[in-house]
Amino acid sequence: MAETICARLLGLAGLASLPVDVVIALQRCRSIHTFGMRFPIGAAFVGRDGQLLAVRASVPPGRVTSSLRASLVLEWRAGAVATSSVAELAREVTCALDRERLE
């Protein structure tokens, strides 16, 4: 999870690739960029209630995308997560974050 401002701004920039089994969660986030990236990413925008608001299957390098009602963004290597399973992934991450807050 990218928690600091610096980690959030740098994000995946400069990496050669992202392993297929890695999903990055950006809390308190509604907009992402792919500047400085060498590969496309998938992104899911999730609302406060865990509802999936939007999915971007492949965001190419050098772009900005957002969903104004989002409070969480999930990022993964484009093609690594099936579009049909993104809603379930969003629910799982939201539940895990809720459990973490309660501990």
PDB file of N, CA and C in Angstrom:
ATOM      1  N   MET A   1       0.850  -1.166   0.000  1.00  0.00           N
ATOM      2  CA  MET A   1       0.000   0.000   0.000  1.00  0.00           C
ATOM      3  C   MET A   1       0.898   1.232   0.000  1.00  0.00           C
ATOM      4  N   ALA A   2       0.603   2.164  -0.894  1.00  0.00           N
ATOM      5  CA  ALA A   2       1.351   3.422  -0.954  1.00  0.00           C
ATOM      6  C   ALA A   2       0.684   4.411  -0.004  1.00  0.00           C
ATOM      7  N   GLU A   3       1.333   4.713   1.114  1.00  0.00           N
ATOM      8  CA  GLU A   3       0.713   5.548   2.138  1.00  0.00           C
ATOM      9  C   GLU A   3       1.259   6.961   2.192  1.00  0.00           C
ATOM     10  N   THR A   4       2.551   7.159   1.926  1.00  0.00           N
ATOM     11  CA  THR A   4       3.118   8.503   2.023  1.00  0.00           C
ATOM     12  C   THR A   4       2.883   9.269   0.729  1.00  0.00           C
ATOM     13  N   ILE A   5       2.934  10.586   0.821  1.00  0.00           N
ATOM     14  CA  ILE A   5       2.747  11.420  -0.370  1.00  0.00           C
ATOM     15  C   ILE A   5       3.798  11.087  -1.417  1.00  0.00           C
ATOM     16  N   CYS A   6       5.027  10.927  -0.983  1.00  0.00           N
ATOM     17  CA  CYS A   6       6.121  10.616  -1.901  1.00  0.00           C
ATOM     18  C   CYS A   6       5.870   9.279  -2.606  1.00  0.00           C
ATOM     19  N   ALA A   7       5.489   8.270  -1.850  1.00  0.00           N
ATOM     20  CA  ALA A   7       5.220   6.953  -2.429  1.00  0.00           C
ATOM     21  C   ALA A   7       4.055   7.021  -3.403  1.00  0.00           C
ATOM     22  N   ARG A   8       3.053   7.826  -3.078  1.00  0.00           N
ATOM     23  CA  ARG A   8       1.892   7.957  -3.956  1.00  0.00           C
ATOM     24  C   ARG A   8       2.247   8.685  -5.241  1.00  0.00           C
ATOM     25  N   LEU A   9       3.063   9.736  -5.149  1.00  0.00           N
ATOM     26  CA  LEU A   9       3.448  10.483  -6.345  1.00  0.00           C
ATOM     27  C   LEU A   9       4.332   9.652  -7.264  1.00  0.00           C
ATOM     28  N   LEU A  10       5.285   8.936  -6.694  1.00  0.00           N
ATOM     29  CA  LEU A  10       6.176   8.111  -7.507  1.00  0.00           C
ATOM     30  C   LEU A  10       5.452   6.884  -8.036  1.00  0.00           C
ATOM     31  N   GLY A  11       4.658   6.272  -7.181  1.00  0.00           N
ATOM     32  CA  GLY A  11       3.883   5.115  -7.599  1.00  0.00           C
ATOM     33  C   GLY A  11       4.733   4.077  -8.299  1.00  0.00           C
ATOM     34  N   LEU A  12       4.338   3.708  -9.497  1.00  0.00           N
ATOM     35  CA  LEU A  12       5.015   2.665 -10.253  1.00  0.00           C
ATOM     36  C   LEU A  12       6.002   3.231 -11.267  1.00  0.00           C
ATOM     37  N   ALA A  13       6.196   4.550 -11.262  1.00  0.00           N
ATOM     38  CA  ALA A  13       7.100   5.195 -12.221  1.00  0.00           C
ATOM     39  C   ALA A  13       8.505   4.628 -12.092  1.00  0.00           C
ATOM     40  N   GLY A  14       9.112   4.362 -13.214  1.00  0.00           N
ATOM     41  CA  GLY A  14      10.486   3.887 -13.234  1.00  0.00           C
ATOM     42  C   GLY A  14      10.639   2.380 -13.170  1.00  0.00           C
ATOM     43  N   LEU A  15       9.591   1.663 -12.769  1.00  0.00           N
ATOM     44  CA  LEU A  15       9.682   0.204 -12.728  1.00  0.00           C
ATOM     45  C   LEU A  15       9.652  -0.353 -14.149  1.00  0.00           C
ATOM     46  N   ALA A  16      10.390  -1.426 -14.380  1.00  0.00           N
ATOM     47  CA  ALA A  16      10.392  -2.061 -15.695  1.00  0.00           C
ATOM     48  C   ALA A  16       9.083  -2.811 -15.934  1.00  0.00           C
ATOM     49  N   SER A  17       8.520  -3.382 -14.880  1.00  0.00           N
ATOM     50  CA  SER A  17       7.239  -4.086 -14.976  1.00  0.00           C
ATOM     51  C   SER A  17       6.689  -4.266 -13.569  1.00  0.00           C
ATOM     52  N   LEU A  18       5.537  -4.870 -13.490  1.00  0.00           N
ATOM     53  CA  LEU A  18       4.892  -5.150 -12.208  1.00  0.00           C
ATOM     54  C   LEU A  18       4.518  -6.629 -12.204  1.00  0.00           C
ATOM     55  N   PRO A  19       4.860  -7.368 -11.157  1.00  0.00           N
ATOM     56  CA  PRO A  19       4.482  -8.786 -11.118  1.00  0.00           C
ATOM     57  C   PRO A  19       2.964  -8.951 -11.243  1.00  0.00           C
ATOM     58  N   VAL A  20       2.547 -10.039 -11.861  1.00  0.00           N
ATOM     59  CA  VAL A  20       1.118 -10.256 -12.097  1.00  0.00           C
ATOM     60  C   VAL A  20       0.328 -10.450 -10.812  1.00  0.00           C
ATOM     61  N   ASP A  21       0.988 -10.816  -9.722  1.00  0.00           N
ATOM     62  CA  ASP A  21       0.266 -11.079  -8.473  1.00  0.00           C
ATOM     63  C   ASP A  21       0.281  -9.897  -7.505  1.00  0.00           C
ATOM     64  N   VAL A  22       0.625  -8.708  -7.993  1.00  0.00           N
ATOM     65  CA  VAL A  22       0.690  -7.520  -7.136  1.00  0.00           C
ATOM     66  C   VAL A  22      -0.450  -6.565  -7.475  1.00  0.00           C
ATOM     67  N   VAL A  23      -1.166  -6.125  -6.442  1.00  0.00           N
ATOM     68  CA  VAL A  23      -2.192  -5.090  -6.582  1.00  0.00           C
ATOM     69  C   VAL A  23      -1.837  -3.995  -5.584  1.00  0.00           C
ATOM     70  N   ILE A  24      -1.767  -2.759  -6.060  1.00  0.00           N
ATOM     71  CA  ILE A  24      -1.444  -1.611  -5.211  1.00  0.00           C
ATOM     72  C   ILE A  24      -2.754  -0.943  -4.802  1.00  0.00           C
ATOM     73  N   ALA A  25      -2.916  -0.638  -3.521  1.00  0.00           N
ATOM     74  CA  ALA A  25      -4.102   0.057  -3.013  1.00  0.00           C
ATOM     75  C   ALA A  25      -3.715   1.473  -2.617  1.00  0.00           C
ATOM     76  N   LEU A  26      -4.421   2.443  -3.182  1.00  0.00           N
ATOM     77  CA  LEU A  26      -4.191   3.857  -2.871  1.00  0.00           C
ATOM     78  C   LEU A  26      -5.427   4.399  -2.161  1.00  0.00           C
ATOM     79  N   GLN A  27      -5.327   4.577  -0.841  1.00  0.00           N
ATOM     80  CA  GLN A  27      -6.450   5.103  -0.069  1.00  0.00           C
ATOM     81  C   GLN A  27      -6.529   6.617  -0.215  1.00  0.00           C
ATOM     82  N   ARG A  28      -7.731   7.157   0.019  1.00  0.00           N
ATOM     83  CA  ARG A  28      -7.979   8.596  -0.098  1.00  0.00           C
ATOM     84  C   ARG A  28      -7.494   9.108  -1.455  1.00  0.00           C
ATOM     85  N   CYS A  29      -7.902   8.424  -2.496  1.00  0.00           N
ATOM     86  CA  CYS A  29      -7.420   8.714  -3.842  1.00  0.00           C
ATOM     87  C   CYS A  29      -8.580   8.620  -4.824  1.00  0.00           C
ATOM     88  N   ARG A  30      -8.625   9.541  -5.758  1.00  0.00           N
ATOM     89  CA  ARG A  30      -9.651   9.473  -6.809  1.00  0.00           C
ATOM     90  C   ARG A  30      -9.094   9.722  -8.197  1.00  0.00           C
ATOM     91  N   SER A  31      -7.777   9.979  -8.279  1.00  0.00           N
ATOM     92  CA  SER A  31      -7.140  10.254  -9.563  1.00  0.00           C
ATOM     93  C   SER A  31      -5.748   9.636  -9.581  1.00  0.00           C
ATOM     94  N   ILE A  32      -5.390   9.036 -10.718  1.00  0.00           N
ATOM     95  CA  ILE A  32      -4.052   8.455 -10.854  1.00  0.00           C
ATOM     96  C   ILE A  32      -3.413   8.939 -12.147  1.00  0.00           C
ATOM     97  N   HIS A  33      -2.082   8.808 -12.208  1.00  0.00           N
ATOM     98  CA  HIS A  33      -1.357   9.130 -13.438  1.00  0.00           C
ATOM     99  C   HIS A  33      -0.405   7.988 -13.758  1.00  0.00           C
ATOM    100  N   THR A  34      -0.004   7.929 -15.017  1.00  0.00           N
ATOM    101  CA  THR A  34       0.966   6.923 -15.439  1.00  0.00           C
ATOM    102  C   THR A  34       2.195   7.585 -16.059  1.00  0.00           C
ATOM    103  N   PHE A  35       2.492   8.810 -15.653  1.00  0.00           N
ATOM    104  CA  PHE A  35       3.682   9.497 -16.140  1.00  0.00           C
ATOM    105  C   PHE A  35       4.929   8.774 -15.636  1.00  0.00           C
ATOM    106  N   GLY A  36       5.907   8.607 -16.490  1.00  0.00           N
ATOM    107  CA  GLY A  36       7.153   7.948 -16.110  1.00  0.00           C
ATOM    108  C   GLY A  36       7.066   6.432 -16.072  1.00  0.00           C
ATOM    109  N   MET A  37       5.910   5.892 -16.412  1.00  0.00           N
ATOM    110  CA  MET A  37       5.750   4.437 -16.395  1.00  0.00           C
ATOM    111  C   MET A  37       6.135   3.855 -17.747  1.00  0.00           C
ATOM    112  N   ARG A  38       6.546   2.598 -17.730  1.00  0.00           N
ATOM    113  CA  ARG A  38       6.989   1.912 -18.944  1.00  0.00           C
ATOM    114  C   ARG A  38       5.986   0.875 -19.435  1.00  0.00           C
ATOM    115  N   PHE A  39       4.872   0.741 -18.753  1.00  0.00           N
ATOM    116  CA  PHE A  39       3.903  -0.299 -19.087  1.00  0.00           C
ATOM    117  C   PHE A  39       2.505   0.181 -18.707  1.00  0.00           C
ATOM    118  N   PRO A  40       1.466  -0.337 -19.368  1.00  0.00           N
ATOM    119  CA  PRO A  40       0.098   0.033 -19.000  1.00  0.00           C
ATOM    120  C   PRO A  40      -0.336  -0.675 -17.718  1.00  0.00           C
ATOM    121  N   ILE A  41      -1.265  -0.046 -17.014  1.00  0.00           N
ATOM    122  CA  ILE A  41      -1.813  -0.646 -15.794  1.00  0.00           C
ATOM    123  C   ILE A  41      -3.333  -0.716 -15.893  1.00  0.00           C
ATOM    124  N   GLY A  42      -3.898  -1.597 -15.105  1.00  0.00           N
ATOM    125  CA  GLY A  42      -5.334  -1.626 -14.894  1.00  0.00           C
ATOM    126  C   GLY A  42      -5.625  -0.862 -13.616  1.00  0.00           C
ATOM    127  N   ALA A  43      -6.806  -0.287 -13.532  1.00  0.00           N
ATOM    128  CA  ALA A  43      -7.169   0.475 -12.335  1.00  0.00           C
ATOM    129  C   ALA A  43      -8.655   0.313 -12.048  1.00  0.00           C
ATOM    130  N   ALA A  44      -8.968   0.243 -10.764  1.00  0.00           N
ATOM    131  CA  ALA A  44     -10.361   0.200 -10.314  1.00  0.00           C
ATOM    132  C   ALA A  44     -10.563   1.326  -9.319  1.00  0.00           C
ATOM    133  N   PHE A  45     -11.631   2.079  -9.506  1.00  0.00           N
ATOM    134  CA  PHE A  45     -11.989   3.175  -8.610  1.00  0.00           C
ATOM    135  C   PHE A  45     -13.138   2.694  -7.732  1.00  0.00           C
ATOM    136  N   VAL A  46     -12.939   2.796  -6.417  1.00  0.00           N
ATOM    137  CA  VAL A  46     -13.873   2.229  -5.446  1.00  0.00           C
ATOM    138  C   VAL A  46     -14.403   3.333  -4.544  1.00  0.00           C
ATOM    139  N   GLY A  47     -15.718   3.322  -4.274  1.00  0.00           N
ATOM    140  CA  GLY A  47     -16.344   4.309  -3.399  1.00  0.00           C
ATOM    141  C   GLY A  47     -16.139   3.987  -1.934  1.00  0.00           C
ATOM    142  N   ARG A  48     -16.562   4.905  -1.075  1.00  0.00           N
ATOM    143  CA  ARG A  48     -16.407   4.733   0.381  1.00  0.00           C
ATOM    144  C   ARG A  48     -17.084   3.465   0.895  1.00  0.00           C
ATOM    145  N   ASP A  49     -18.168   3.088   0.263  1.00  0.00           N
ATOM    146  CA  ASP A  49     -18.924   1.914   0.702  1.00  0.00           C
ATOM    147  C   ASP A  49     -18.413   0.608   0.097  1.00  0.00           C
ATOM    148  N   GLY A  50     -17.304   0.669  -0.641  1.00  0.00           N
ATOM    149  CA  GLY A  50     -16.754  -0.522  -1.274  1.00  0.00           C
ATOM    150  C   GLY A  50     -17.321  -0.806  -2.645  1.00  0.00           C
ATOM    151  N   GLN A  51     -18.234   0.045  -3.097  1.00  0.00           N
ATOM    152  CA  GLN A  51     -18.855  -0.144  -4.406  1.00  0.00           C
ATOM    153  C   GLN A  51     -17.861   0.174  -5.513  1.00  0.00           C
ATOM    154  N   LEU A  52     -17.795  -0.694  -6.504  1.00  0.00           N
ATOM    155  CA  LEU A  52     -16.944  -0.479  -7.662  1.00  0.00           C
ATOM    156  C   LEU A  52     -17.574   0.599  -8.535  1.00  0.00           C
ATOM    157  N   LEU A  53     -16.860   1.703  -8.742  1.00  0.00           N
ATOM    158  CA  LEU A  53     -17.389   2.831  -9.505  1.00  0.00           C
ATOM    159  C   LEU A  53     -16.967   2.805 -10.965  1.00  0.00           C
ATOM    160  N   ALA A  54     -15.720   2.434 -11.218  1.00  0.00           N
ATOM    161  CA  ALA A  54     -15.211   2.424 -12.591  1.00  0.00           C
ATOM    162  C   ALA A  54     -14.004   1.508 -12.682  1.00  0.00           C
ATOM    163  N   VAL A  55     -13.840   0.910 -13.859  1.00  0.00           N
ATOM    164  CA  VAL A  55     -12.678   0.066 -14.132  1.00  0.00           C
ATOM    165  C   VAL A  55     -12.032   0.560 -15.412  1.00  0.00           C
ATOM    166  N   ARG A  56     -10.725   0.707 -15.370  1.00  0.00           N
ATOM    167  CA  ARG A  56      -9.940   1.033 -16.563  1.00  0.00           C
ATOM    168  C   ARG A  56      -9.041  -0.183 -16.789  1.00  0.00           C
ATOM    169  N   ALA A  57      -9.347  -0.977 -17.803  1.00  0.00           N
ATOM    170  CA  ALA A  57      -8.625  -2.230 -18.035  1.00  0.00           C
ATOM    171  C   ALA A  57      -7.172  -2.005 -18.418  1.00  0.00           C
ATOM    172  N   SER A  58      -6.894  -0.913 -19.137  1.00  0.00           N
ATOM    173  CA  SER A  58      -5.524  -0.665 -19.590  1.00  0.00           C
ATOM    174  C   SER A  58      -5.300   0.832 -19.760  1.00  0.00           C
ATOM    175  N   VAL A  59      -4.587   1.422 -18.809  1.00  0.00           N
ATOM    176  CA  VAL A  59      -4.241   2.848 -18.870  1.00  0.00           C
ATOM    177  C   VAL A  59      -2.798   2.933 -19.360  1.00  0.00           C
ATOM    178  N   PRO A  60      -2.578   3.470 -20.572  1.00  0.00           N
ATOM    179  CA  PRO A  60      -1.218   3.526 -21.113  1.00  0.00           C
ATOM    180  C   PRO A  60      -0.339   4.537 -20.374  1.00  0.00           C
ATOM    181  N   PRO A  61       0.976   4.417 -20.513  1.00  0.00           N
ATOM    182  CA  PRO A  61       1.881   5.402 -19.911  1.00  0.00           C
ATOM    183  C   PRO A  61       1.557   6.821 -20.388  1.00  0.00           C
ATOM    184  N   GLY A  62       1.788   7.786 -19.495  1.00  0.00           N
ATOM    185  CA  GLY A  62       1.602   9.194 -19.847  1.00  0.00           C
ATOM    186  C   GLY A  62       0.173   9.697 -19.781  1.00  0.00           C
ATOM    187  N   ARG A  63      -0.674   9.050 -19.022  1.00  0.00           N
ATOM    188  CA  ARG A  63      -2.091   9.428 -18.943  1.00  0.00           C
ATOM    189  C   ARG A  63      -2.513   9.744 -17.518  1.00  0.00           C
ATOM    190  N   VAL A  64      -3.670  10.410 -17.414  1.00  0.00           N
ATOM    191  CA  VAL A  64      -4.324  10.683 -16.131  1.00  0.00           C
ATOM    192  C   VAL A  64      -5.748  10.166 -16.251  1.00  0.00           C
ATOM    193  N   THR A  65      -6.248   9.534 -15.206  1.00  0.00           N
ATOM    194  CA  THR A  65      -7.636   9.089 -15.184  1.00  0.00           C
ATOM    195  C   THR A  65      -8.168   9.221 -13.760  1.00  0.00           C
ATOM    196  N   SER A  66      -9.479   9.409 -13.646  1.00  0.00           N
ATOM    197  CA  SER A  66     -10.045   9.631 -12.315  1.00  0.00           C
ATOM    198  C   SER A  66     -11.513   9.231 -12.255  1.00  0.00           C
ATOM    199  N   SER A  67     -12.005   9.186 -11.035  1.00  0.00           N
ATOM    200  CA  SER A  67     -13.421   9.019 -10.747  1.00  0.00           C
ATOM    201  C   SER A  67     -13.687   9.873  -9.513  1.00  0.00           C
ATOM    202  N   LEU A  68     -14.439  10.932  -9.672  1.00  0.00           N
ATOM    203  CA  LEU A  68     -14.588  11.934  -8.618  1.00  0.00           C
ATOM    204  C   LEU A  68     -15.204  11.416  -7.325  1.00  0.00           C
ATOM    205  N   ARG A  69     -15.993  10.342  -7.384  1.00  0.00           N
ATOM    206  CA  ARG A  69     -16.614   9.802  -6.168  1.00  0.00           C
ATOM    207  C   ARG A  69     -15.765   8.738  -5.482  1.00  0.00           C
ATOM    208  N   ALA A  70     -14.631   8.401  -6.059  1.00  0.00           N
ATOM    209  CA  ALA A  70     -13.785   7.338  -5.499  1.00  0.00           C
ATOM    210  C   ALA A  70     -13.086   7.776  -4.220  1.00  0.00           C
ATOM    211  N   SER A  71     -12.819   6.803  -3.365  1.00  0.00           N
ATOM    212  CA  SER A  71     -12.006   7.051  -2.172  1.00  0.00           C
ATOM    213  C   SER A  71     -10.842   6.061  -2.101  1.00  0.00           C
ATOM    214  N   LEU A  72     -10.818   5.116  -3.024  1.00  0.00           N
ATOM    215  CA  LEU A  72      -9.776   4.097  -3.085  1.00  0.00           C
ATOM    216  C   LEU A  72      -9.543   3.745  -4.547  1.00  0.00           C
ATOM    217  N   VAL A  73      -8.269   3.599  -4.918  1.00  0.00           N
ATOM    218  CA  VAL A  73      -7.934   3.144  -6.267  1.00  0.00           C
ATOM    219  C   VAL A  73      -7.042   1.917  -6.143  1.00  0.00           C
ATOM    220  N   LEU A  74      -7.358   0.903  -6.920  1.00  0.00           N
ATOM    221  CA  LEU A  74      -6.533  -0.296  -7.005  1.00  0.00           C
ATOM    222  C   LEU A  74      -5.823  -0.285  -8.350  1.00  0.00           C
ATOM    223  N   GLU A  75      -4.533  -0.611  -8.352  1.00  0.00           N
ATOM    224  CA  GLU A  75      -3.751  -0.648  -9.588  1.00  0.00           C
ATOM    225  C   GLU A  75      -3.089  -2.017  -9.725  1.00  0.00           C
ATOM    226  N   TRP A  76      -2.985  -2.510 -10.974  1.00  0.00           N
ATOM    227  CA  TRP A  76      -2.328  -3.776 -11.256  1.00  0.00           C
ATOM    228  C   TRP A  76      -1.779  -3.722 -12.672  1.00  0.00           C
ATOM    229  N   ARG A  77      -0.939  -4.670 -13.003  1.00  0.00           N
ATOM    230  CA  ARG A  77      -0.416  -4.733 -14.363  1.00  0.00           C
ATOM    231  C   ARG A  77      -1.566  -5.048 -15.317  1.00  0.00           C
ATOM    232  N   ALA A  78      -1.684  -4.274 -16.381  1.00  0.00           N
ATOM    233  CA  ALA A  78      -2.768  -4.481 -17.344  1.00  0.00           C
ATOM    234  C   ALA A  78      -2.778  -5.937 -17.799  1.00  0.00           C
ATOM    235  N   GLY A  79      -3.965  -6.533 -17.783  1.00  0.00           N
ATOM    236  CA  GLY A  79      -4.128  -7.917 -18.194  1.00  0.00           C
ATOM    237  C   GLY A  79      -3.982  -8.928 -17.073  1.00  0.00           C
ATOM    238  N   ALA A  80      -3.497  -8.505 -15.913  1.00  0.00           N
ATOM    239  CA  ALA A  80      -3.262  -9.443 -14.808  1.00  0.00           C
ATOM    240  C   ALA A  80      -4.529  -9.780 -14.031  1.00  0.00           C
ATOM    241  N   VAL A  81      -5.533  -8.920 -14.085  1.00  0.00           N
ATOM    242  CA  VAL A  81      -6.789  -9.145 -13.366  1.00  0.00           C
ATOM    243  C   VAL A  81      -7.924  -9.144 -14.388  1.00  0.00           C
ATOM    244  N   ALA A  82      -8.711 -10.201 -14.393  1.00  0.00           N
ATOM    245  CA  ALA A  82      -9.849 -10.277 -15.311  1.00  0.00           C
ATOM    246  C   ALA A  82     -10.893  -9.241 -14.919  1.00  0.00           C
ATOM    247  N   THR A  83     -11.442  -8.561 -15.904  1.00  0.00           N
ATOM    248  CA  THR A  83     -12.450  -7.539 -15.645  1.00  0.00           C
ATOM    249  C   THR A  83     -13.604  -8.105 -14.829  1.00  0.00           C
ATOM    250  N   SER A  84     -13.953  -9.359 -15.066  1.00  0.00           N
ATOM    251  CA  SER A  84     -15.071  -9.980 -14.349  1.00  0.00           C
ATOM    252  C   SER A  84     -14.788 -10.187 -12.862  1.00  0.00           C
ATOM    253  N   SER A  85     -13.531 -10.159 -12.449  1.00  0.00           N
ATOM    254  CA  SER A  85     -13.211 -10.387 -11.038  1.00  0.00           C
ATOM    255  C   SER A  85     -12.829  -9.115 -10.289  1.00  0.00           C
ATOM    256  N   VAL A  86     -12.903  -7.960 -10.940  1.00  0.00           N
ATOM    257  CA  VAL A  86     -12.488  -6.707 -10.298  1.00  0.00           C
ATOM    258  C   VAL A  86     -13.420  -6.333  -9.148  1.00  0.00           C
ATOM    259  N   ALA A  87     -14.722  -6.520  -9.306  1.00  0.00           N
ATOM    260  CA  ALA A  87     -15.665  -6.171  -8.235  1.00  0.00           C
ATOM    261  C   ALA A  87     -15.374  -6.988  -6.980  1.00  0.00           C
ATOM    262  N   GLU A  88     -15.097  -8.273  -7.139  1.00  0.00           N
ATOM    263  CA  GLU A  88     -14.765  -9.125  -5.990  1.00  0.00           C
ATOM    264  C   GLU A  88     -13.449  -8.685  -5.354  1.00  0.00           C
ATOM    265  N   LEU A  89     -12.475  -8.347  -6.164  1.00  0.00           N
ATOM    266  CA  LEU A  89     -11.197  -7.847  -5.651  1.00  0.00           C
ATOM    267  C   LEU A  89     -11.408  -6.573  -4.843  1.00  0.00           C
ATOM    268  N   ALA A  90     -12.236  -5.666  -5.351  1.00  0.00           N
ATOM    269  CA  ALA A  90     -12.522  -4.410  -4.640  1.00  0.00           C
ATOM    270  C   ALA A  90     -13.166  -4.689  -3.285  1.00  0.00           C
ATOM    271  N   ARG A  91     -14.109  -5.640  -3.233  1.00  0.00           N
ATOM    272  CA  ARG A  91     -14.752  -6.000  -1.962  1.00  0.00           C
ATOM    273  C   ARG A  91     -13.742  -6.586  -0.979  1.00  0.00           C
ATOM    274  N   GLU A  92     -12.882  -7.467  -1.466  1.00  0.00           N
ATOM    275  CA  GLU A  92     -11.880  -8.088  -0.594  1.00  0.00           C
ATOM    276  C   GLU A  92     -10.927  -7.049  -0.007  1.00  0.00           C
ATOM    277  N   VAL A  93     -10.451  -6.138  -0.836  1.00  0.00           N
ATOM    278  CA  VAL A  93      -9.519  -5.110  -0.353  1.00  0.00           C
ATOM    279  C   VAL A  93     -10.218  -4.183   0.626  1.00  0.00           C
ATOM    280  N   THR A  94     -11.446  -3.784   0.316  1.00  0.00           N
ATOM    281  CA  THR A  94     -12.198  -2.901   1.209  1.00  0.00           C
ATOM    282  C   THR A  94     -12.416  -3.568   2.565  1.00  0.00           C
ATOM    283  N   CYS A  95     -12.783  -4.844   2.567  1.00  0.00           N
ATOM    284  CA  CYS A  95     -12.971  -5.577   3.834  1.00  0.00           C
ATOM    285  C   CYS A  95     -11.661  -5.669   4.609  1.00  0.00           C
ATOM    286  N   ALA A  96     -10.568  -5.951   3.926  1.00  0.00           N
ATOM    287  CA  ALA A  96      -9.262  -6.046   4.595  1.00  0.00           C
ATOM    288  C   ALA A  96      -8.867  -4.709   5.207  1.00  0.00           C
ATOM    289  N   LEU A  97      -9.113  -3.622   4.494  1.00  0.00           N
ATOM    290  CA  LEU A  97      -8.786  -2.294   5.023  1.00  0.00           C
ATOM    291  C   LEU A  97      -9.662  -1.953   6.221  1.00  0.00           C
ATOM    292  N   ASP A  98     -10.942  -2.342   6.172  1.00  0.00           N
ATOM    293  CA  ASP A  98     -11.838  -2.108   7.308  1.00  0.00           C
ATOM    294  C   ASP A  98     -11.363  -2.882   8.542  1.00  0.00           C
ATOM    295  N   ARG A  99     -10.972  -4.143   8.351  1.00  0.00           N
ATOM    296  CA  ARG A  99     -10.456  -4.950   9.473  1.00  0.00           C
ATOM    297  C   ARG A  99      -9.194  -4.317  10.049  1.00  0.00           C
ATOM    298  N   GLU A 100      -8.331  -3.829   9.176  1.00  0.00           N
ATOM    299  CA  GLU A 100      -7.081  -3.198   9.615  1.00  0.00           C
ATOM    300  C   GLU A 100      -7.359  -1.961  10.465  1.00  0.00           C
ATOM    301  N   ARG A 101      -8.363  -1.184  10.089  1.00  0.00           N
ATOM    302  CA  ARG A 101      -8.720   0.020  10.850  1.00  0.00           C
ATOM    303  C   ARG A 101      -9.229  -0.325  12.246  1.00  0.00           C
ATOM    304  N   LEU A 102      -9.917  -1.463  12.369  1.00  0.00           N
ATOM    305  CA  LEU A 102     -10.502  -1.866  13.645  1.00  0.00           C
ATOM    306  C   LEU A 102      -9.476  -2.443  14.615  1.00  0.00           C
ATOM    307  N   GLU A 103      -8.351  -2.868  14.118  1.00  0.00           N
ATOM    308  CA  GLU A 103      -7.329  -3.483  14.989  1.00  0.00           C
ATOM    309  C   GLU A 103      -6.541  -2.451  15.743  1.00  0.00           C
TER     310      GLU A 103
END
